[in-house]
Amino acid sequence: MKSAKMQLLYYLDTLRQMGMDAKGELLFPEERKKESVEWTEDAKQELERAMEDIRRIARMPVPPAPEKIQFCGKCAYREYCWAEE
């Protein structure tokens, strides 16, 4: 859920830079949960920290070893982490 929130915050931040003030909503049907997401200064700081962490990892000569977490089973990118060479 955190990654979905960060992705939506990125979109909201991009829209804000274009002059649009928007809100978003995340729907999790399996959990019957709905989460409203708004751009705030706190959210912007959280997004900036995440983006800096992404940039730091991208600059590494070798990516860090993958670490299985509870979300790996349903992740769309799991083949990138767990593919055999």
PDB file of N, CA and C in Angstrom:
ATOM      1  N   MET A   1       0.816  -1.193   0.000  1.00  0.00           N
ATOM      2  CA  MET A   1       0.000   0.000   0.000  1.00  0.00           C
ATOM      3  C   MET A   1       0.865   1.264   0.000  1.00  0.00           C
ATOM      4  N   LYS A   2       2.003   1.193   0.676  1.00  0.00           N
ATOM      5  CA  LYS A   2       2.877   2.365   0.733  1.00  0.00           C
ATOM      6  C   LYS A   2       3.372   2.731  -0.663  1.00  0.00           C
ATOM      7  N   SER A   3       3.738   1.717  -1.462  1.00  0.00           N
ATOM      8  CA  SER A   3       4.238   2.014  -2.803  1.00  0.00           C
ATOM      9  C   SER A   3       3.142   2.642  -3.666  1.00  0.00           C
ATOM     10  N   ALA A   4       1.915   2.184  -3.516  1.00  0.00           N
ATOM     11  CA  ALA A   4       0.800   2.767  -4.271  1.00  0.00           C
ATOM     12  C   ALA A   4       0.573   4.219  -3.843  1.00  0.00           C
ATOM     13  N   LYS A   5       0.691   4.481  -2.557  1.00  0.00           N
ATOM     14  CA  LYS A   5       0.523   5.844  -2.058  1.00  0.00           C
ATOM     15  C   LYS A   5       1.630   6.743  -2.603  1.00  0.00           C
ATOM     16  N   MET A   6       2.865   6.255  -2.602  1.00  0.00           N
ATOM     17  CA  MET A   6       3.977   7.066  -3.100  1.00  0.00           C
ATOM     18  C   MET A   6       3.811   7.350  -4.594  1.00  0.00           C
ATOM     19  N   GLN A   7       3.346   6.355  -5.340  1.00  0.00           N
ATOM     20  CA  GLN A   7       3.123   6.549  -6.774  1.00  0.00           C
ATOM     21  C   GLN A   7       2.049   7.616  -6.999  1.00  0.00           C
ATOM     22  N   LEU A   8       0.967   7.535  -6.256  1.00  0.00           N
ATOM     23  CA  LEU A   8      -0.103   8.528  -6.390  1.00  0.00           C
ATOM     24  C   LEU A   8       0.390   9.918  -5.964  1.00  0.00           C
ATOM     25  N   LEU A   9       1.178   9.986  -4.898  1.00  0.00           N
ATOM     26  CA  LEU A   9       1.741  11.274  -4.489  1.00  0.00           C
ATOM     27  C   LEU A   9       2.634  11.858  -5.573  1.00  0.00           C
ATOM     28  N   TYR A  10       3.379  11.003  -6.252  1.00  0.00           N
ATOM     29  CA  TYR A  10       4.212  11.472  -7.360  1.00  0.00           C
ATOM     30  C   TYR A  10       3.340  12.100  -8.456  1.00  0.00           C
ATOM     31  N   TYR A  11       2.253  11.432  -8.806  1.00  0.00           N
ATOM     32  CA  TYR A  11       1.340  11.966  -9.817  1.00  0.00           C
ATOM     33  C   TYR A  11       0.725  13.283  -9.348  1.00  0.00           C
ATOM     34  N   LEU A  12       0.299  13.342  -8.087  1.00  0.00           N
ATOM     35  CA  LEU A  12      -0.294  14.565  -7.552  1.00  0.00           C
ATOM     36  C   LEU A  12       0.719  15.706  -7.551  1.00  0.00           C
ATOM     37  N   ASP A  13       1.971  15.384  -7.223  1.00  0.00           N
ATOM     38  CA  ASP A  13       3.015  16.401  -7.236  1.00  0.00           C
ATOM     39  C   ASP A  13       3.265  16.906  -8.657  1.00  0.00           C
ATOM     40  N   THR A  14       3.275  16.001  -9.615  1.00  0.00           N
ATOM     41  CA  THR A  14       3.459  16.388 -11.019  1.00  0.00           C
ATOM     42  C   THR A  14       2.319  17.288 -11.477  1.00  0.00           C
ATOM     43  N   LEU A  15       1.091  16.922 -11.138  1.00  0.00           N
ATOM     44  CA  LEU A  15      -0.060  17.765 -11.493  1.00  0.00           C
ATOM     45  C   LEU A  15       0.028  19.128 -10.819  1.00  0.00           C
ATOM     46  N   ARG A  16       0.478  19.147  -9.571  1.00  0.00           N
ATOM     47  CA  ARG A  16       0.618  20.407  -8.845  1.00  0.00           C
ATOM     48  C   ARG A  16       1.633  21.315  -9.537  1.00  0.00           C
ATOM     49  N   GLN A  17       2.725  20.735 -10.021  1.00  0.00           N
ATOM     50  CA  GLN A  17       3.735  21.518 -10.735  1.00  0.00           C
ATOM     51  C   GLN A  17       3.176  22.090 -12.037  1.00  0.00           C
ATOM     52  N   MET A  18       2.147  21.441 -12.571  1.00  0.00           N
ATOM     53  CA  MET A  18       1.514  21.908 -13.797  1.00  0.00           C
ATOM     54  C   MET A  18       0.381  22.901 -13.500  1.00  0.00           C
ATOM     55  N   GLY A  19       0.178  23.208 -12.215  1.00  0.00           N
ATOM     56  CA  GLY A  19      -0.828  24.185 -11.840  1.00  0.00           C
ATOM     57  C   GLY A  19      -2.171  23.600 -11.445  1.00  0.00           C
ATOM     58  N   MET A  20      -2.260  22.287 -11.338  1.00  0.00           N
ATOM     59  CA  MET A  20      -3.528  21.650 -10.958  1.00  0.00           C
ATOM     60  C   MET A  20      -3.452  21.161  -9.516  1.00  0.00           C
ATOM     61  N   ASP A  21      -4.465  21.473  -8.755  1.00  0.00           N
ATOM     62  CA  ASP A  21      -4.560  21.001  -7.377  1.00  0.00           C
ATOM     63  C   ASP A  21      -5.533  19.823  -7.373  1.00  0.00           C
ATOM     64  N   ALA A  22      -5.019  18.625  -7.175  1.00  0.00           N
ATOM     65  CA  ALA A  22      -5.866  17.432  -7.258  1.00  0.00           C
ATOM     66  C   ALA A  22      -5.732  16.589  -6.002  1.00  0.00           C
ATOM     67  N   LYS A  23      -6.692  15.729  -5.799  1.00  0.00           N
ATOM     68  CA  LYS A  23      -6.687  14.737  -4.725  1.00  0.00           C
ATOM     69  C   LYS A  23      -6.809  13.376  -5.389  1.00  0.00           C
ATOM     70  N   GLY A  24      -6.426  12.348  -4.671  1.00  0.00           N
ATOM     71  CA  GLY A  24      -6.527  11.007  -5.232  1.00  0.00           C
ATOM     72  C   GLY A  24      -7.131  10.045  -4.235  1.00  0.00           C
ATOM     73  N   GLU A  25      -7.435   8.870  -4.733  1.00  0.00           N
ATOM     74  CA  GLU A  25      -8.029   7.845  -3.888  1.00  0.00           C
ATOM     75  C   GLU A  25      -7.481   6.492  -4.310  1.00  0.00           C
ATOM     76  N   LEU A  26      -7.064   5.713  -3.335  1.00  0.00           N
ATOM     77  CA  LEU A  26      -6.597   4.354  -3.584  1.00  0.00           C
ATOM     78  C   LEU A  26      -7.685   3.384  -3.149  1.00  0.00           C
ATOM     79  N   LEU A  27      -7.971   2.428  -4.006  1.00  0.00           N
ATOM     80  CA  LEU A  27      -8.978   1.415  -3.697  1.00  0.00           C
ATOM     81  C   LEU A  27      -8.299   0.056  -3.600  1.00  0.00           C
ATOM     82  N   PHE A  28      -8.580  -0.665  -2.532  1.00  0.00           N
ATOM     83  CA  PHE A  28      -8.053  -1.996  -2.308  1.00  0.00           C
ATOM     84  C   PHE A  28      -9.239  -2.946  -2.143  1.00  0.00           C
ATOM     85  N   PRO A  29      -9.785  -3.443  -3.268  1.00  0.00           N
ATOM     86  CA  PRO A  29     -11.022  -4.229  -3.223  1.00  0.00           C
ATOM     87  C   PRO A  29     -10.930  -5.485  -2.359  1.00  0.00           C
ATOM     88  N   GLU A  30      -9.798  -6.183  -2.414  1.00  0.00           N
ATOM     89  CA  GLU A  30      -9.689  -7.426  -1.637  1.00  0.00           C
ATOM     90  C   GLU A  30      -9.778  -7.160  -0.144  1.00  0.00           C
ATOM     91  N   GLU A  31      -9.304  -6.005   0.270  1.00  0.00           N
ATOM     92  CA  GLU A  31      -9.334  -5.651   1.684  1.00  0.00           C
ATOM     93  C   GLU A  31     -10.540  -4.786   2.030  1.00  0.00           C
ATOM     94  N   ARG A  32     -11.320  -4.470   0.999  1.00  0.00           N
ATOM     95  CA  ARG A  32     -12.481  -3.585   1.169  1.00  0.00           C
ATOM     96  C   ARG A  32     -12.074  -2.296   1.869  1.00  0.00           C
ATOM     97  N   LYS A  33     -11.000  -1.711   1.339  1.00  0.00           N
ATOM     98  CA  LYS A  33     -10.437  -0.517   1.942  1.00  0.00           C
ATOM     99  C   LYS A  33     -10.284   0.571   0.900  1.00  0.00           C
ATOM    100  N   LYS A  34     -10.456   1.797   1.348  1.00  0.00           N
ATOM    101  CA  LYS A  34     -10.313   2.966   0.493  1.00  0.00           C
ATOM    102  C   LYS A  34      -9.479   3.980   1.264  1.00  0.00           C
ATOM    103  N   GLU A  35      -8.503   4.592   0.572  1.00  0.00           N
ATOM    104  CA  GLU A  35      -7.641   5.575   1.227  1.00  0.00           C
ATOM    105  C   GLU A  35      -7.568   6.836   0.371  1.00  0.00           C
ATOM    106  N   SER A  36      -7.922   7.961   0.970  1.00  0.00           N
ATOM    107  CA  SER A  36      -7.798   9.246   0.287  1.00  0.00           C
ATOM    108  C   SER A  36      -6.364   9.729   0.419  1.00  0.00           C
ATOM    109  N   VAL A  37      -5.843  10.313  -0.657  1.00  0.00           N
ATOM    110  CA  VAL A  37      -4.476  10.814  -0.656  1.00  0.00           C
ATOM    111  C   VAL A  37      -4.498  12.258  -1.149  1.00  0.00           C
ATOM    112  N   GLU A  38      -3.885  13.131  -0.382  1.00  0.00           N
ATOM    113  CA  GLU A  38      -3.795  14.533  -0.750  1.00  0.00           C
ATOM    114  C   GLU A  38      -2.339  14.974  -0.693  1.00  0.00           C
ATOM    115  N   TRP A  39      -1.986  15.931  -1.545  1.00  0.00           N
ATOM    116  CA  TRP A  39      -0.654  16.512  -1.517  1.00  0.00           C
ATOM    117  C   TRP A  39      -0.606  17.481  -0.345  1.00  0.00           C
ATOM    118  N   THR A  40       0.330  17.253   0.552  1.00  0.00           N
ATOM    119  CA  THR A  40       0.587  18.157   1.670  1.00  0.00           C
ATOM    120  C   THR A  40       2.092  18.369   1.747  1.00  0.00           C
ATOM    121  N   GLU A  41       2.529  19.313   2.541  1.00  0.00           N
ATOM    122  CA  GLU A  41       3.970  19.525   2.708  1.00  0.00           C
ATOM    123  C   GLU A  41       4.627  18.284   3.305  1.00  0.00           C
ATOM    124  N   ASP A  42       3.957  17.645   4.279  1.00  0.00           N
ATOM    125  CA  ASP A  42       4.507  16.424   4.877  1.00  0.00           C
ATOM    126  C   ASP A  42       4.614  15.312   3.831  1.00  0.00           C
ATOM    127  N   ALA A  43       3.573  15.176   3.017  1.00  0.00           N
ATOM    128  CA  ALA A  43       3.590  14.157   1.959  1.00  0.00           C
ATOM    129  C   ALA A  43       4.687  14.464   0.950  1.00  0.00           C
ATOM    130  N   LYS A  44       4.880  15.728   0.632  1.00  0.00           N
ATOM    131  CA  LYS A  44       5.927  16.142  -0.304  1.00  0.00           C
ATOM    132  C   LYS A  44       7.310  15.763   0.242  1.00  0.00           C
ATOM    133  N   GLN A  45       7.533  15.991   1.531  1.00  0.00           N
ATOM    134  CA  GLN A  45       8.816  15.630   2.148  1.00  0.00           C
ATOM    135  C   GLN A  45       9.024  14.117   2.131  1.00  0.00           C
ATOM    136  N   GLU A  46       7.974  13.363   2.398  1.00  0.00           N
ATOM    137  CA  GLU A  46       8.064  11.898   2.354  1.00  0.00           C
ATOM    138  C   GLU A  46       8.399  11.428   0.934  1.00  0.00           C
ATOM    139  N   LEU A  47       7.758  12.040  -0.053  1.00  0.00           N
ATOM    140  CA  LEU A  47       8.014  11.708  -1.454  1.00  0.00           C
ATOM    141  C   LEU A  47       9.455  12.052  -1.831  1.00  0.00           C
ATOM    142  N   GLU A  48       9.934  13.199  -1.405  1.00  0.00           N
ATOM    143  CA  GLU A  48      11.309  13.600  -1.716  1.00  0.00           C
ATOM    144  C   GLU A  48      12.323  12.635  -1.109  1.00  0.00           C
ATOM    145  N   ARG A  49      12.059  12.170   0.123  1.00  0.00           N
ATOM    146  CA  ARG A  49      12.959  11.180   0.744  1.00  0.00           C
ATOM    147  C   ARG A  49      12.969   9.884  -0.051  1.00  0.00           C
ATOM    148  N   ALA A  50      11.789   9.439  -0.478  1.00  0.00           N
ATOM    149  CA  ALA A  50      11.701   8.200  -1.263  1.00  0.00           C
ATOM    150  C   ALA A  50      12.417   8.358  -2.602  1.00  0.00           C
ATOM    151  N   MET A  51      12.255   9.501  -3.246  1.00  0.00           N
ATOM    152  CA  MET A  51      12.898   9.726  -4.542  1.00  0.00           C
ATOM    153  C   MET A  51      14.421   9.796  -4.395  1.00  0.00           C
ATOM    154  N   GLU A  52      14.899  10.392  -3.323  1.00  0.00           N
ATOM    155  CA  GLU A  52      16.344  10.439  -3.093  1.00  0.00           C
ATOM    156  C   GLU A  52      16.888   9.030  -2.846  1.00  0.00           C
ATOM    157  N   ASP A  53      16.134   8.217  -2.131  1.00  0.00           N
ATOM    158  CA  ASP A  53      16.550   6.836  -1.896  1.00  0.00           C
ATOM    159  C   ASP A  53      16.608   6.065  -3.215  1.00  0.00           C
ATOM    160  N   ILE A  54      15.638   6.293  -4.082  1.00  0.00           N
ATOM    161  CA  ILE A  54      15.631   5.656  -5.402  1.00  0.00           C
ATOM    162  C   ILE A  54      16.852   6.100  -6.208  1.00  0.00           C
ATOM    163  N   ARG A  55      17.141   7.386  -6.179  1.00  0.00           N
ATOM    164  CA  ARG A  55      18.316   7.896  -6.904  1.00  0.00           C
ATOM    165  C   ARG A  55      19.611   7.301  -6.357  1.00  0.00           C
ATOM    166  N   ARG A  56      19.691   7.178  -5.035  1.00  0.00           N
ATOM    167  CA  ARG A  56      20.881   6.595  -4.411  1.00  0.00           C
ATOM    168  C   ARG A  56      21.086   5.155  -4.883  1.00  0.00           C
ATOM    169  N   ILE A  57      20.019   4.392  -4.909  1.00  0.00           N
ATOM    170  CA  ILE A  57      20.102   3.000  -5.355  1.00  0.00           C
ATOM    171  C   ILE A  57      20.472   2.944  -6.834  1.00  0.00           C
ATOM    172  N   ALA A  58      19.894   3.838  -7.637  1.00  0.00           N
ATOM    173  CA  ALA A  58      20.180   3.858  -9.078  1.00  0.00           C
ATOM    174  C   ALA A  58      21.642   4.189  -9.357  1.00  0.00           C
ATOM    175  N   ARG A  59      22.280   4.972  -8.489  1.00  0.00           N
ATOM    176  CA  ARG A  59      23.686   5.329  -8.675  1.00  0.00           C
ATOM    177  C   ARG A  59      24.644   4.231  -8.238  1.00  0.00           C
ATOM    178  N   MET A  60      24.155   3.220  -7.540  1.00  0.00           N
ATOM    179  CA  MET A  60      25.029   2.146  -7.059  1.00  0.00           C
ATOM    180  C   MET A  60      25.562   1.349  -8.247  1.00  0.00           C
ATOM    181  N   PRO A  61      26.836   0.947  -8.203  1.00  0.00           N
ATOM    182  CA  PRO A  61      27.381   0.147  -9.301  1.00  0.00           C
ATOM    183  C   PRO A  61      26.709  -1.229  -9.401  1.00  0.00           C
ATOM    184  N   VAL A  62      26.276  -1.757  -8.259  1.00  0.00           N
ATOM    185  CA  VAL A  62      25.574  -3.047  -8.215  1.00  0.00           C
ATOM    186  C   VAL A  62      24.374  -2.858  -7.291  1.00  0.00           C
ATOM    187  N   PRO A  63      23.196  -3.263  -7.731  1.00  0.00           N
ATOM    188  CA  PRO A  63      22.018  -3.067  -6.874  1.00  0.00           C
ATOM    189  C   PRO A  63      22.111  -3.929  -5.616  1.00  0.00           C
ATOM    190  N   PRO A  64      21.411  -3.524  -4.563  1.00  0.00           N
ATOM    191  CA  PRO A  64      21.415  -4.341  -3.354  1.00  0.00           C
ATOM    192  C   PRO A  64      20.742  -5.686  -3.609  1.00  0.00           C
ATOM    193  N   ALA A  65      21.119  -6.674  -2.813  1.00  0.00           N
ATOM    194  CA  ALA A  65      20.510  -8.004  -2.946  1.00  0.00           C
ATOM    195  C   ALA A  65      19.018  -7.909  -2.626  1.00  0.00           C
ATOM    196  N   PRO A  66      18.195  -8.666  -3.355  1.00  0.00           N
ATOM    197  CA  PRO A  66      16.756  -8.628  -3.068  1.00  0.00           C
ATOM    198  C   PRO A  66      16.455  -9.207  -1.693  1.00  0.00           C
ATOM    199  N   GLU A  67      15.385  -8.728  -1.128  1.00  0.00           N
ATOM    200  CA  GLU A  67      14.953  -9.156   0.190  1.00  0.00           C
ATOM    201  C   GLU A  67      13.469  -9.498   0.099  1.00  0.00           C
ATOM    202  N   LYS A  68      13.114 -10.746   0.362  1.00  0.00           N
ATOM    203  CA  LYS A  68      11.692 -11.122   0.264  1.00  0.00           C
ATOM    204  C   LYS A  68      10.909 -10.498   1.408  1.00  0.00           C
ATOM    205  N   ILE A  69       9.792  -9.876   1.033  1.00  0.00           N
ATOM    206  CA  ILE A  69       8.871  -9.319   2.010  1.00  0.00           C
ATOM    207  C   ILE A  69       7.476  -9.837   1.684  1.00  0.00           C
ATOM    208  N   GLN A  70       6.512  -9.523   2.497  1.00  0.00           N
ATOM    209  CA  GLN A  70       5.167 -10.090   2.340  1.00  0.00           C
ATOM    210  C   GLN A  70       4.502  -9.726   1.018  1.00  0.00           C
ATOM    211  N   PHE A  71       4.924  -8.656   0.366  1.00  0.00           N
ATOM    212  CA  PHE A  71       4.288  -8.211  -0.862  1.00  0.00           C
ATOM    213  C   PHE A  71       4.876  -8.854  -2.116  1.00  0.00           C
ATOM    214  N   CYS A  72       5.986  -9.567  -1.987  1.00  0.00           N
ATOM    215  CA  CYS A  72       6.676 -10.119  -3.162  1.00  0.00           C
ATOM    216  C   CYS A  72       5.783 -11.051  -3.995  1.00  0.00           C
ATOM    217  N   GLY A  73       4.948 -11.832  -3.359  1.00  0.00           N
ATOM    218  CA  GLY A  73       4.127 -12.807  -4.068  1.00  0.00           C
ATOM    219  C   GLY A  73       3.186 -12.197  -5.094  1.00  0.00           C
ATOM    220  N   LYS A  74       2.710 -10.985  -4.841  1.00  0.00           N
ATOM    221  CA  LYS A  74       1.748 -10.349  -5.741  1.00  0.00           C
ATOM    222  C   LYS A  74       2.332  -9.170  -6.515  1.00  0.00           C
ATOM    223  N   CYS A  75       3.631  -8.939  -6.358  1.00  0.00           N
ATOM    224  CA  CYS A  75       4.256  -7.779  -6.993  1.00  0.00           C
ATOM    225  C   CYS A  75       4.419  -7.989  -8.492  1.00  0.00           C
ATOM    226  N   ALA A  76       4.101  -6.972  -9.259  1.00  0.00           N
ATOM    227  CA  ALA A  76       4.222  -7.042 -10.719  1.00  0.00           C
ATOM    228  C   ALA A  76       5.676  -7.118 -11.164  1.00  0.00           C
ATOM    229  N   TYR A  77       6.604  -6.745 -10.302  1.00  0.00           N
ATOM    230  CA  TYR A  77       8.019  -6.717 -10.668  1.00  0.00           C
ATOM    231  C   TYR A  77       8.813  -7.881 -10.075  1.00  0.00           C
ATOM    232  N   ARG A  78       8.156  -8.855  -9.500  1.00  0.00           N
ATOM    233  CA  ARG A  78       8.866  -9.937  -8.798  1.00  0.00           C
ATOM    234  C   ARG A  78       9.852 -10.687  -9.683  1.00  0.00           C
ATOM    235  N   GLU A  79       9.567 -10.786 -10.983  1.00  0.00           N
ATOM    236  CA  GLU A  79      10.488 -11.504 -11.867  1.00  0.00           C
ATOM    237  C   GLU A  79      11.834 -10.795 -11.976  1.00  0.00           C
ATOM    238  N   TYR A  80      11.882  -9.492 -11.752  1.00  0.00           N
ATOM    239  CA  TYR A  80      13.149  -8.766 -11.787  1.00  0.00           C
ATOM    240  C   TYR A  80      14.019  -9.133 -10.578  1.00  0.00           C
ATOM    241  N   CYS A  81      13.420  -9.320  -9.442  1.00  0.00           N
ATOM    242  CA  CYS A  81      14.178  -9.637  -8.223  1.00  0.00           C
ATOM    243  C   CYS A  81      14.550 -11.111  -8.142  1.00  0.00           C
ATOM    244  N   TRP A  82      13.660 -11.976  -8.584  1.00  0.00           N
ATOM    245  CA  TRP A  82      13.832 -13.405  -8.302  1.00  0.00           C
ATOM    246  C   TRP A  82      14.135 -14.239  -9.537  1.00  0.00           C
ATOM    247  N   ALA A  83      14.400 -13.622 -10.673  1.00  0.00           N
ATOM    248  CA  ALA A  83      14.729 -14.376 -11.883  1.00  0.00           C
ATOM    249  C   ALA A  83      16.092 -15.025 -11.733  1.00  0.00           C
ATOM    250  N   GLU A  84      16.213 -16.218 -12.234  1.00  0.00           N
ATOM    251  CA  GLU A  84      17.505 -16.911 -12.244  1.00  0.00           C
ATOM    252  C   GLU A  84      18.286 -16.441 -13.443  1.00  0.00           C
ATOM    253  N   GLU A  85      19.562 -16.286 -13.293  1.00  0.00           N
ATOM    254  CA  GLU A  85      20.396 -15.862 -14.427  1.00  0.00           C
ATOM    255  C   GLU A  85      20.812 -17.039 -15.259  1.00  0.00           C
TER     256      GLU A  85
END
